[in-house]
């Protein structure tokens, strides 16, 4: 069973919100920044 485009975008937005919170707590964490940027680019590609 696959996800619809709308469900996938919702998942990305939820993950981005959580990543953004974690990044604010630890702004020097380059790994968090990379993952956040990847998720953001996936959302923009839609």
C-alpha atoms as a PDB file:
ATOM      1  CA  UNK A   1       0.000   0.000   0.000  1.00  0.00           C
ATOM      2  CA  UNK A   2       1.575   3.251  -1.122  1.00  0.00           C
ATOM      3  CA  UNK A   3       1.214   6.828  -0.023  1.00  0.00           C
ATOM      4  CA  UNK A   4      -0.596   9.467  -1.982  1.00  0.00           C
ATOM      5  CA  UNK A   5       1.286  12.606  -2.935  1.00  0.00           C
ATOM      6  CA  UNK A   6      -0.677  14.558  -0.317  1.00  0.00           C
ATOM      7  CA  UNK A   7       0.206  12.036   2.412  1.00  0.00           C
ATOM      8  CA  UNK A   8       3.876  12.138   1.430  1.00  0.00           C
ATOM      9  CA  UNK A   9       3.924  15.936   1.533  1.00  0.00           C
ATOM     10  CA  UNK A  10       2.288  15.806   4.972  1.00  0.00           C
ATOM     11  CA  UNK A  11       4.966  13.396   6.167  1.00  0.00           C
ATOM     12  CA  UNK A  12       7.704  15.690   4.847  1.00  0.00           C
ATOM     13  CA  UNK A  13       6.172  18.732   6.543  1.00  0.00           C
ATOM     14  CA  UNK A  14       5.906  16.870   9.860  1.00  0.00           C
ATOM     15  CA  UNK A  15       9.496  15.657   9.611  1.00  0.00           C
ATOM     16  CA  UNK A  16      10.696  19.159   8.677  1.00  0.00           C
ATOM     17  CA  UNK A  17       8.951  20.644  11.700  1.00  0.00           C
ATOM     18  CA  UNK A  18      10.646  18.129  13.995  1.00  0.00           C
ATOM     19  CA  UNK A  19      14.011  18.671  12.316  1.00  0.00           C
ATOM     20  CA  UNK A  20      13.606  22.436  12.661  1.00  0.00           C
ATOM     21  CA  UNK A  21      12.931  22.096  16.400  1.00  0.00           C
ATOM     22  CA  UNK A  22      15.970  19.870  16.846  1.00  0.00           C
ATOM     23  CA  UNK A  23      18.115  22.250  14.787  1.00  0.00           C
ATOM     24  CA  UNK A  24      17.061  25.221  16.953  1.00  0.00           C
ATOM     25  CA  UNK A  25      18.183  23.301  20.044  1.00  0.00           C
ATOM     26  CA  UNK A  26      21.465  22.335  18.413  1.00  0.00           C
ATOM     27  CA  UNK A  27      22.283  24.853  15.656  1.00  0.00           C
ATOM     28  CA  UNK A  28      25.868  23.632  15.276  1.00  0.00           C
ATOM     29  CA  UNK A  29      24.804  20.100  14.296  1.00  0.00           C
ATOM     30  CA  UNK A  30      25.768  19.829  10.628  1.00  0.00           C
ATOM     31  CA  UNK A  31      24.084  16.426  10.213  1.00  0.00           C
ATOM     32  CA  UNK A  32      20.719  17.881  11.241  1.00  0.00           C
ATOM     33  CA  UNK A  33      21.216  20.743   8.819  1.00  0.00           C
ATOM     34  CA  UNK A  34      21.985  18.351   5.950  1.00  0.00           C
ATOM     35  CA  UNK A  35      18.931  16.190   6.634  1.00  0.00           C
ATOM     36  CA  UNK A  36      16.715  19.274   6.992  1.00  0.00           C
ATOM     37  CA  UNK A  37      17.993  20.634   3.672  1.00  0.00           C
ATOM     38  CA  UNK A  38      17.393  17.304   1.927  1.00  0.00           C
ATOM     39  CA  UNK A  39      13.824  17.085   3.221  1.00  0.00           C
ATOM     40  CA  UNK A  40      13.194  20.714   2.239  1.00  0.00           C
ATOM     41  CA  UNK A  41      14.432  20.078  -1.290  1.00  0.00           C
ATOM     42  CA  UNK A  42      12.191  16.997  -1.556  1.00  0.00           C
ATOM     43  CA  UNK A  43       9.202  19.113  -0.605  1.00  0.00           C
ATOM     44  CA  UNK A  44      10.134  21.823  -3.116  1.00  0.00           C
ATOM     45  CA  UNK A  45      10.500  19.255  -5.904  1.00  0.00           C
ATOM     46  CA  UNK A  46       6.858  18.220  -5.584  1.00  0.00           C
END
